[in-house]
Amino acid sequence: MKLPPAVQARWNALAVREKSLLLGAAALVAAALLWWLALAPALRTLGAAEAQHRSLDAQLQHMLSLQAQAQALQSQPKLGYDEALRALETSVKQRLGATAQLSVLGDRATVTLRGTPADALAQWLAQARINARALPTDARLTRTAAGASWDGTLVLSLPAR
């Protein structure tokens, strides 16, 4: 490498010890740059890979369980409107009791909730989806002050007549 004449003259004027120190400092700066730009990001990625792999495996297992659940729902025999309505009415009475009121208009069922416990609502929604083939289309729910129950309305679609 050819240096400009002024730099070359300054370099030649330095003592051997000063030249060695400057070369050492340049090597140290080069090594630090190599570490910060090339090695550290790669090692950080390698260190995080195992945790990311576990997270992705968990997501995959969840997706596979959802797929199996969807396939199980698809394999169930078709349910008519009347059977779905009866199943929905039964599930509202059994699971939600006096905290819910059901009203039906066409293929839409509206469930009005007043102080319905959160766990009972979650179980009822799963049962309504599986047994009555009723799918939520609109939900306007608010958590009560205690935080363990819900008020509001839930609109479900029933199978067509």
N, C-alpha and C. Protein backbone atom coordinates (compact mmCIF):
# COMPACT_ATOMS: atom_id res chain seq x y z
N MET A 1 0.84 -1.16 0.00
CA MET A 1 0.00 0.00 0.00
C MET A 1 0.90 1.24 0.00
N LYS A 2 0.60 2.15 -0.89
CA LYS A 2 1.40 3.36 -1.03
C LYS A 2 0.72 4.49 -0.26
N LEU A 3 1.47 5.10 0.65
CA LEU A 3 0.98 6.19 1.48
C LEU A 3 1.32 7.52 0.83
N PRO A 4 0.54 8.57 1.12
CA PRO A 4 0.91 9.90 0.63
C PRO A 4 2.30 10.29 1.18
N PRO A 5 3.02 11.13 0.45
CA PRO A 5 4.40 11.45 0.86
C PRO A 5 4.49 12.03 2.28
N ALA A 6 3.54 12.89 2.68
CA ALA A 6 3.62 13.49 4.01
C ALA A 6 3.46 12.41 5.09
N VAL A 7 2.52 11.48 4.86
CA VAL A 7 2.30 10.40 5.83
C VAL A 7 3.49 9.46 5.83
N GLN A 8 4.05 9.18 4.67
CA GLN A 8 5.21 8.29 4.56
C GLN A 8 6.40 8.90 5.31
N ALA A 9 6.57 10.20 5.17
CA ALA A 9 7.68 10.87 5.86
C ALA A 9 7.47 10.81 7.36
N ARG A 10 6.25 11.02 7.81
CA ARG A 10 5.97 10.98 9.25
C ARG A 10 6.19 9.56 9.78
N TRP A 11 5.77 8.56 8.99
CA TRP A 11 5.94 7.15 9.39
C TRP A 11 7.42 6.82 9.53
N ASN A 12 8.21 7.25 8.58
CA ASN A 12 9.65 6.95 8.61
C ASN A 12 10.33 7.66 9.77
N ALA A 13 9.75 8.78 10.23
CA ALA A 13 10.35 9.53 11.33
C ALA A 13 10.06 8.89 12.69
N LEU A 14 9.11 7.97 12.75
CA LEU A 14 8.74 7.34 14.02
C LEU A 14 9.78 6.30 14.42
N ALA A 15 9.90 6.12 15.72
CA ALA A 15 10.79 5.09 16.23
C ALA A 15 10.12 3.72 16.07
N VAL A 16 10.90 2.68 16.15
CA VAL A 16 10.39 1.32 15.98
C VAL A 16 9.32 1.01 17.03
N ARG A 17 9.56 1.47 18.24
CA ARG A 17 8.58 1.22 19.30
C ARG A 17 7.25 1.91 18.98
N GLU A 18 7.27 3.14 18.49
CA GLU A 18 6.05 3.88 18.14
C GLU A 18 5.33 3.21 16.97
N LYS A 19 6.12 2.73 16.00
CA LYS A 19 5.52 2.01 14.87
C LYS A 19 4.80 0.76 15.36
N SER A 20 5.42 0.04 16.27
CA SER A 20 4.81 -1.18 16.82
C SER A 20 3.52 -0.86 17.57
N LEU A 21 3.54 0.23 18.35
CA LEU A 21 2.34 0.61 19.09
C LEU A 21 1.21 1.02 18.15
N LEU A 22 1.54 1.77 17.10
CA LEU A 22 0.51 2.16 16.13
C LEU A 22 -0.05 0.95 15.39
N LEU A 23 0.82 0.02 15.00
CA LEU A 23 0.33 -1.20 14.33
C LEU A 23 -0.53 -2.03 15.28
N GLY A 24 -0.14 -2.07 16.56
CA GLY A 24 -0.95 -2.80 17.55
C GLY A 24 -2.31 -2.15 17.75
N ALA A 25 -2.32 -0.80 17.81
CA ALA A 25 -3.59 -0.09 17.96
C ALA A 25 -4.48 -0.31 16.74
N ALA A 26 -3.89 -0.27 15.55
CA ALA A 26 -4.67 -0.51 14.33
C ALA A 26 -5.22 -1.94 14.31
N ALA A 27 -4.41 -2.88 14.75
CA ALA A 27 -4.87 -4.27 14.81
C ALA A 27 -6.00 -4.41 15.82
N LEU A 28 -5.88 -3.72 16.95
CA LEU A 28 -6.94 -3.76 17.97
C LEU A 28 -8.24 -3.17 17.44
N VAL A 29 -8.14 -2.04 16.74
CA VAL A 29 -9.34 -1.42 16.16
C VAL A 29 -9.94 -2.34 15.11
N ALA A 30 -9.11 -2.96 14.29
CA ALA A 30 -9.61 -3.89 13.27
C ALA A 30 -10.30 -5.09 13.91
N ALA A 31 -9.69 -5.61 14.99
CA ALA A 31 -10.30 -6.75 15.68
C ALA A 31 -11.63 -6.36 16.32
N ALA A 32 -11.71 -5.17 16.90
CA ALA A 32 -12.97 -4.71 17.52
C ALA A 32 -14.04 -4.55 16.45
N LEU A 33 -13.69 -3.97 15.32
CA LEU A 33 -14.65 -3.82 14.23
C LEU A 33 -15.13 -5.19 13.73
N LEU A 34 -14.19 -6.11 13.59
CA LEU A 34 -14.56 -7.46 13.16
C LEU A 34 -15.54 -8.09 14.15
N TRP A 35 -15.27 -7.91 15.45
CA TRP A 35 -16.15 -8.47 16.47
C TRP A 35 -17.53 -7.83 16.42
N TRP A 36 -17.59 -6.50 16.41
CA TRP A 36 -18.88 -5.80 16.48
C TRP A 36 -19.71 -5.95 15.21
N LEU A 37 -19.05 -6.06 14.07
CA LEU A 37 -19.79 -6.11 12.81
C LEU A 37 -20.05 -7.51 12.30
N ALA A 38 -19.21 -8.47 12.67
CA ALA A 38 -19.36 -9.81 12.10
C ALA A 38 -19.66 -10.88 13.14
N LEU A 39 -18.89 -10.96 14.18
CA LEU A 39 -19.00 -12.10 15.10
C LEU A 39 -20.11 -11.93 16.14
N ALA A 40 -20.21 -10.77 16.78
CA ALA A 40 -21.20 -10.58 17.85
C ALA A 40 -22.64 -10.79 17.37
N PRO A 41 -23.07 -10.20 16.23
CA PRO A 41 -24.45 -10.45 15.79
C PRO A 41 -24.70 -11.93 15.48
N ALA A 42 -23.72 -12.58 14.90
CA ALA A 42 -23.90 -14.01 14.58
C ALA A 42 -24.01 -14.84 15.85
N LEU A 43 -23.17 -14.55 16.84
CA LEU A 43 -23.25 -15.29 18.11
C LEU A 43 -24.54 -15.01 18.86
N ARG A 44 -25.02 -13.77 18.79
CA ARG A 44 -26.28 -13.41 19.43
C ARG A 44 -27.44 -14.18 18.78
N THR A 45 -27.42 -14.26 17.46
CA THR A 45 -28.46 -15.01 16.74
C THR A 45 -28.38 -16.49 17.09
N LEU A 46 -27.19 -17.01 17.16
CA LEU A 46 -27.01 -18.42 17.50
C LEU A 46 -27.49 -18.70 18.92
N GLY A 47 -27.23 -17.77 19.83
CA GLY A 47 -27.68 -17.95 21.22
C GLY A 47 -29.20 -17.92 21.35
N ALA A 48 -29.86 -17.11 20.53
CA ALA A 48 -31.31 -17.00 20.61
C ALA A 48 -32.03 -18.08 19.79
N ALA A 49 -31.30 -18.81 18.99
CA ALA A 49 -31.92 -19.78 18.09
C ALA A 49 -32.67 -20.88 18.83
N GLU A 50 -32.13 -21.37 19.93
CA GLU A 50 -32.77 -22.48 20.65
C GLU A 50 -34.11 -22.05 21.23
N ALA A 51 -34.15 -20.88 21.84
CA ALA A 51 -35.41 -20.38 22.41
C ALA A 51 -36.42 -20.11 21.31
N GLN A 52 -35.96 -19.55 20.20
CA GLN A 52 -36.87 -19.30 19.09
C GLN A 52 -37.38 -20.61 18.50
N HIS A 53 -36.52 -21.62 18.46
CA HIS A 53 -36.92 -22.93 17.94
C HIS A 53 -38.01 -23.53 18.83
N ARG A 54 -37.83 -23.43 20.15
CA ARG A 54 -38.85 -23.95 21.08
C ARG A 54 -40.16 -23.20 20.91
N SER A 55 -40.09 -21.89 20.75
CA SER A 55 -41.29 -21.09 20.57
C SER A 55 -42.01 -21.48 19.28
N LEU A 56 -41.26 -21.65 18.22
CA LEU A 56 -41.88 -22.04 16.94
C LEU A 56 -42.46 -23.45 17.01
N ASP A 57 -41.79 -24.35 17.73
CA ASP A 57 -42.34 -25.69 17.91
C ASP A 57 -43.66 -25.65 18.67
N ALA A 58 -43.73 -24.81 19.70
CA ALA A 58 -44.98 -24.67 20.45
C ALA A 58 -46.08 -24.11 19.56
N GLN A 59 -45.75 -23.13 18.74
CA GLN A 59 -46.74 -22.58 17.82
C GLN A 59 -47.19 -23.63 16.82
N LEU A 60 -46.26 -24.44 16.34
CA LEU A 60 -46.62 -25.50 15.40
C LEU A 60 -47.56 -26.51 16.04
N GLN A 61 -47.27 -26.91 17.28
CA GLN A 61 -48.13 -27.86 17.97
C GLN A 61 -49.53 -27.27 18.18
N HIS A 62 -49.59 -25.99 18.50
CA HIS A 62 -50.89 -25.33 18.68
C HIS A 62 -51.65 -25.32 17.36
N MET A 63 -50.97 -24.98 16.28
CA MET A 63 -51.62 -24.95 14.96
C MET A 63 -52.09 -26.35 14.55
N LEU A 64 -51.29 -27.37 14.85
CA LEU A 64 -51.70 -28.73 14.51
C LEU A 64 -52.92 -29.15 15.33
N SER A 65 -52.97 -28.73 16.60
CA SER A 65 -54.16 -29.08 17.40
C SER A 65 -55.39 -28.34 16.88
N LEU A 66 -55.21 -27.08 16.46
CA LEU A 66 -56.34 -26.35 15.86
C LEU A 66 -56.78 -27.00 14.56
N GLN A 67 -55.83 -27.49 13.78
CA GLN A 67 -56.17 -28.17 12.53
C GLN A 67 -56.96 -29.44 12.81
N ALA A 68 -56.51 -30.21 13.80
CA ALA A 68 -57.23 -31.43 14.15
C ALA A 68 -58.64 -31.11 14.65
N GLN A 69 -58.75 -30.04 15.42
CA GLN A 69 -60.07 -29.64 15.91
C GLN A 69 -60.97 -29.21 14.76
N ALA A 70 -60.43 -28.48 13.81
CA ALA A 70 -61.22 -28.04 12.65
C ALA A 70 -61.64 -29.24 11.81
N GLN A 71 -60.74 -30.19 11.63
CA GLN A 71 -61.09 -31.38 10.86
C GLN A 71 -62.16 -32.19 11.58
N ALA A 72 -62.09 -32.26 12.91
CA ALA A 72 -63.11 -32.98 13.67
C ALA A 72 -64.47 -32.29 13.52
N LEU A 73 -64.45 -30.96 13.55
CA LEU A 73 -65.71 -30.23 13.36
C LEU A 73 -66.26 -30.43 11.96
N GLN A 74 -65.39 -30.47 10.96
CA GLN A 74 -65.84 -30.66 9.58
C GLN A 74 -66.38 -32.06 9.35
N SER A 75 -65.88 -33.03 10.10
CA SER A 75 -66.31 -34.41 9.88
C SER A 75 -67.65 -34.72 10.56
N GLN A 76 -68.11 -33.82 11.43
CA GLN A 76 -69.38 -34.05 12.10
C GLN A 76 -70.51 -33.90 11.08
N PRO A 77 -71.59 -34.66 11.29
CA PRO A 77 -72.72 -34.56 10.35
C PRO A 77 -73.34 -33.16 10.40
N LYS A 78 -73.93 -32.77 9.28
CA LYS A 78 -74.58 -31.46 9.19
C LYS A 78 -75.74 -31.40 10.15
N LEU A 79 -75.93 -30.24 10.72
CA LEU A 79 -76.98 -30.05 11.70
C LEU A 79 -78.00 -29.08 11.11
N GLY A 80 -79.26 -29.42 11.19
CA GLY A 80 -80.31 -28.55 10.68
C GLY A 80 -80.57 -27.39 11.63
N TYR A 81 -81.32 -26.42 11.14
CA TYR A 81 -81.62 -25.22 11.92
C TYR A 81 -82.34 -25.56 13.22
N ASP A 82 -83.37 -26.42 13.15
CA ASP A 82 -84.16 -26.74 14.34
C ASP A 82 -83.32 -27.45 15.41
N GLU A 83 -82.48 -28.41 14.97
CA GLU A 83 -81.63 -29.12 15.93
C GLU A 83 -80.61 -28.17 16.56
N ALA A 84 -80.05 -27.28 15.74
CA ALA A 84 -79.08 -26.32 16.25
C ALA A 84 -79.73 -25.38 17.25
N LEU A 85 -80.93 -24.93 16.97
CA LEU A 85 -81.62 -24.03 17.88
C LEU A 85 -81.93 -24.71 19.20
N ARG A 86 -82.39 -25.97 19.13
CA ARG A 86 -82.66 -26.71 20.37
C ARG A 86 -81.38 -26.89 21.18
N ALA A 87 -80.30 -27.24 20.50
CA ALA A 87 -79.02 -27.43 21.20
C ALA A 87 -78.55 -26.13 21.83
N LEU A 88 -78.72 -25.01 21.13
CA LEU A 88 -78.31 -23.72 21.66
C LEU A 88 -79.16 -23.34 22.87
N GLU A 89 -80.49 -23.52 22.78
CA GLU A 89 -81.36 -23.21 23.91
C GLU A 89 -80.99 -24.04 25.13
N THR A 90 -80.74 -25.31 24.90
CA THR A 90 -80.37 -26.21 26.00
C THR A 90 -79.05 -25.77 26.64
N SER A 91 -78.08 -25.43 25.80
CA SER A 91 -76.77 -25.04 26.35
C SER A 91 -76.86 -23.72 27.11
N VAL A 92 -77.69 -22.79 26.65
CA VAL A 92 -77.84 -21.52 27.38
C VAL A 92 -78.45 -21.79 28.75
N LYS A 93 -79.48 -22.63 28.81
CA LYS A 93 -80.13 -22.93 30.09
C LYS A 93 -79.18 -23.66 31.03
N GLN A 94 -78.45 -24.65 30.50
CA GLN A 94 -77.59 -25.47 31.35
C GLN A 94 -76.32 -24.73 31.78
N ARG A 95 -75.65 -24.07 30.87
CA ARG A 95 -74.35 -23.47 31.17
C ARG A 95 -74.45 -22.06 31.76
N LEU A 96 -75.37 -21.27 31.25
CA LEU A 96 -75.42 -19.86 31.66
C LEU A 96 -76.55 -19.56 32.63
N GLY A 97 -77.59 -20.37 32.60
CA GLY A 97 -78.69 -20.24 33.55
C GLY A 97 -79.37 -18.88 33.49
N ALA A 98 -79.59 -18.30 34.65
CA ALA A 98 -80.34 -17.05 34.75
C ALA A 98 -79.52 -15.83 34.35
N THR A 99 -78.23 -16.00 34.10
CA THR A 99 -77.39 -14.85 33.75
C THR A 99 -77.47 -14.52 32.26
N ALA A 100 -78.22 -15.31 31.49
CA ALA A 100 -78.30 -15.08 30.05
C ALA A 100 -79.72 -15.24 29.56
N GLN A 101 -80.03 -14.47 28.51
CA GLN A 101 -81.35 -14.55 27.89
C GLN A 101 -81.12 -14.70 26.39
N LEU A 102 -81.83 -15.65 25.77
CA LEU A 102 -81.67 -15.96 24.36
C LEU A 102 -82.88 -15.45 23.58
N SER A 103 -82.60 -14.75 22.47
CA SER A 103 -83.66 -14.35 21.55
C SER A 103 -83.19 -14.68 20.14
N VAL A 104 -84.12 -15.19 19.32
CA VAL A 104 -83.77 -15.65 17.98
C VAL A 104 -84.56 -14.87 16.95
N LEU A 105 -83.86 -14.44 15.89
CA LEU A 105 -84.49 -13.75 14.78
C LEU A 105 -83.85 -14.29 13.51
N GLY A 106 -84.59 -15.10 12.78
CA GLY A 106 -84.05 -15.73 11.57
C GLY A 106 -82.94 -16.69 11.92
N ASP A 107 -81.80 -16.54 11.24
CA ASP A 107 -80.68 -17.44 11.52
C ASP A 107 -79.67 -16.79 12.48
N ARG A 108 -80.10 -15.76 13.20
CA ARG A 108 -79.26 -15.08 14.19
C ARG A 108 -79.86 -15.26 15.58
N ALA A 109 -79.02 -15.61 16.51
CA ALA A 109 -79.44 -15.74 17.90
C ALA A 109 -78.66 -14.72 18.72
N THR A 110 -79.37 -13.96 19.52
CA THR A 110 -78.74 -12.96 20.37
C THR A 110 -78.83 -13.41 21.81
N VAL A 111 -77.69 -13.46 22.46
CA VAL A 111 -77.63 -13.84 23.86
C VAL A 111 -77.26 -12.60 24.66
N THR A 112 -78.13 -12.21 25.59
CA THR A 112 -77.88 -11.05 26.44
C THR A 112 -77.35 -11.56 27.76
N LEU A 113 -76.20 -11.07 28.15
CA LEU A 113 -75.52 -11.54 29.36
C LEU A 113 -75.59 -10.47 30.44
N ARG A 114 -75.82 -10.93 31.68
CA ARG A 114 -75.81 -10.04 32.84
C ARG A 114 -75.07 -10.74 33.98
N GLY A 115 -73.84 -10.32 34.20
CA GLY A 115 -73.06 -10.91 35.29
C GLY A 115 -72.70 -12.36 35.05
N THR A 116 -72.45 -12.72 33.82
CA THR A 116 -72.11 -14.11 33.50
C THR A 116 -70.65 -14.37 33.86
N PRO A 117 -70.38 -15.41 34.66
CA PRO A 117 -68.99 -15.71 35.01
C PRO A 117 -68.15 -16.01 33.75
N ALA A 118 -66.91 -15.55 33.77
CA ALA A 118 -66.04 -15.67 32.61
C ALA A 118 -65.80 -17.14 32.23
N ASP A 119 -65.55 -18.00 33.20
CA ASP A 119 -65.28 -19.40 32.87
C ASP A 119 -66.53 -20.09 32.31
N ALA A 120 -67.70 -19.75 32.82
CA ALA A 120 -68.94 -20.33 32.30
C ALA A 120 -69.18 -19.87 30.87
N LEU A 121 -68.88 -18.60 30.59
CA LEU A 121 -69.05 -18.08 29.23
C LEU A 121 -68.10 -18.77 28.26
N ALA A 122 -66.87 -18.98 28.66
CA ALA A 122 -65.89 -19.64 27.79
C ALA A 122 -66.31 -21.08 27.49
N GLN A 123 -66.75 -21.80 28.51
CA GLN A 123 -67.21 -23.18 28.30
C GLN A 123 -68.46 -23.21 27.43
N TRP A 124 -69.37 -22.29 27.66
CA TRP A 124 -70.59 -22.26 26.86
C TRP A 124 -70.28 -21.95 25.39
N LEU A 125 -69.39 -21.02 25.13
CA LEU A 125 -69.03 -20.70 23.74
C LEU A 125 -68.46 -21.91 23.03
N ALA A 126 -67.60 -22.66 23.70
CA ALA A 126 -67.04 -23.87 23.09
C ALA A 126 -68.13 -24.89 22.82
N GLN A 127 -69.04 -25.06 23.77
CA GLN A 127 -70.13 -26.02 23.60
C GLN A 127 -71.08 -25.57 22.49
N ALA A 128 -71.40 -24.29 22.43
CA ALA A 128 -72.30 -23.78 21.40
C ALA A 128 -71.68 -23.96 20.01
N ARG A 129 -70.39 -23.79 19.92
CA ARG A 129 -69.71 -23.96 18.63
C ARG A 129 -69.75 -25.41 18.17
N ILE A 130 -69.55 -26.32 19.09
CA ILE A 130 -69.48 -27.73 18.72
C ILE A 130 -70.87 -28.35 18.60
N ASN A 131 -71.72 -28.18 19.62
CA ASN A 131 -73.01 -28.87 19.64
C ASN A 131 -74.06 -28.21 18.76
N ALA A 132 -74.11 -26.87 18.77
CA ALA A 132 -75.16 -26.18 18.03
C ALA A 132 -74.66 -25.60 16.70
N ARG A 133 -73.37 -25.72 16.44
CA ARG A 133 -72.76 -25.14 15.23
C ARG A 133 -73.05 -23.64 15.14
N ALA A 134 -73.14 -22.99 16.29
CA ALA A 134 -73.40 -21.56 16.35
C ALA A 134 -72.07 -20.83 16.46
N LEU A 135 -71.86 -19.90 15.54
CA LEU A 135 -70.60 -19.15 15.52
C LEU A 135 -70.84 -17.70 15.88
N PRO A 136 -70.01 -17.13 16.74
CA PRO A 136 -70.18 -15.72 17.10
C PRO A 136 -69.91 -14.83 15.88
N THR A 137 -70.80 -13.88 15.65
CA THR A 137 -70.60 -12.92 14.56
C THR A 137 -70.41 -11.51 15.10
N ASP A 138 -70.90 -11.24 16.30
CA ASP A 138 -70.76 -9.92 16.89
C ASP A 138 -70.77 -10.07 18.40
N ALA A 139 -69.87 -9.36 19.06
CA ALA A 139 -69.82 -9.41 20.52
C ALA A 139 -69.63 -8.00 21.05
N ARG A 140 -70.49 -7.63 21.95
CA ARG A 140 -70.36 -6.34 22.64
C ARG A 140 -70.41 -6.65 24.12
N LEU A 141 -69.25 -6.92 24.66
CA LEU A 141 -69.16 -7.36 26.05
C LEU A 141 -68.33 -6.36 26.85
N THR A 142 -68.71 -6.21 28.11
CA THR A 142 -67.92 -5.39 29.04
C THR A 142 -67.69 -6.20 30.30
N ARG A 143 -66.50 -6.06 30.84
CA ARG A 143 -66.16 -6.77 32.06
C ARG A 143 -66.77 -6.02 33.24
N THR A 144 -67.33 -6.72 34.17
CA THR A 144 -67.92 -6.08 35.34
C THR A 144 -66.82 -5.55 36.24
N ALA A 145 -67.21 -4.77 37.23
CA ALA A 145 -66.24 -4.14 38.13
C ALA A 145 -65.38 -5.18 38.83
N ALA A 146 -65.96 -6.30 39.19
CA ALA A 146 -65.20 -7.35 39.87
C ALA A 146 -64.20 -7.99 38.92
N GLY A 147 -64.47 -7.95 37.62
CA GLY A 147 -63.54 -8.48 36.63
C GLY A 147 -63.68 -9.95 36.33
N ALA A 148 -64.53 -10.65 37.04
CA ALA A 148 -64.66 -12.08 36.83
C ALA A 148 -65.93 -12.45 36.08
N SER A 149 -66.69 -11.45 35.62
CA SER A 149 -67.93 -11.74 34.90
C SER A 149 -68.12 -10.72 33.78
N TRP A 150 -69.08 -11.03 32.89
CA TRP A 150 -69.30 -10.23 31.70
C TRP A 150 -70.76 -9.79 31.58
N ASP A 151 -70.96 -8.59 31.04
CA ASP A 151 -72.28 -8.08 30.67
C ASP A 151 -72.22 -7.73 29.19
N GLY A 152 -73.37 -7.79 28.51
CA GLY A 152 -73.40 -7.37 27.11
C GLY A 152 -74.20 -8.32 26.25
N THR A 153 -73.98 -8.21 24.95
CA THR A 153 -74.70 -9.07 24.00
C THR A 153 -73.71 -9.81 23.12
N LEU A 154 -74.16 -10.96 22.70
CA LEU A 154 -73.37 -11.82 21.83
C LEU A 154 -74.31 -12.32 20.73
N VAL A 155 -73.97 -12.06 19.48
CA VAL A 155 -74.81 -12.50 18.36
C VAL A 155 -74.15 -13.69 17.72
N LEU A 156 -74.93 -14.76 17.54
CA LEU A 156 -74.44 -16.01 16.96
C LEU A 156 -75.18 -16.31 15.68
N SER A 157 -74.50 -16.88 14.73
CA SER A 157 -75.17 -17.31 13.51
C SER A 157 -75.45 -18.81 13.60
N LEU A 158 -76.66 -19.17 13.22
CA LEU A 158 -77.09 -20.57 13.24
C LEU A 158 -77.05 -21.11 11.81
N PRO A 159 -77.04 -22.45 11.67
CA PRO A 159 -77.09 -22.99 10.32
C PRO A 159 -78.35 -22.53 9.58
N ALA A 160 -78.24 -22.38 8.29
CA ALA A 160 -79.38 -21.91 7.48
C ALA A 160 -80.51 -22.94 7.53
N ARG A 161 -81.73 -22.44 7.36
CA ARG A 161 -82.89 -23.34 7.37
C ARG A 161 -82.92 -24.20 6.14
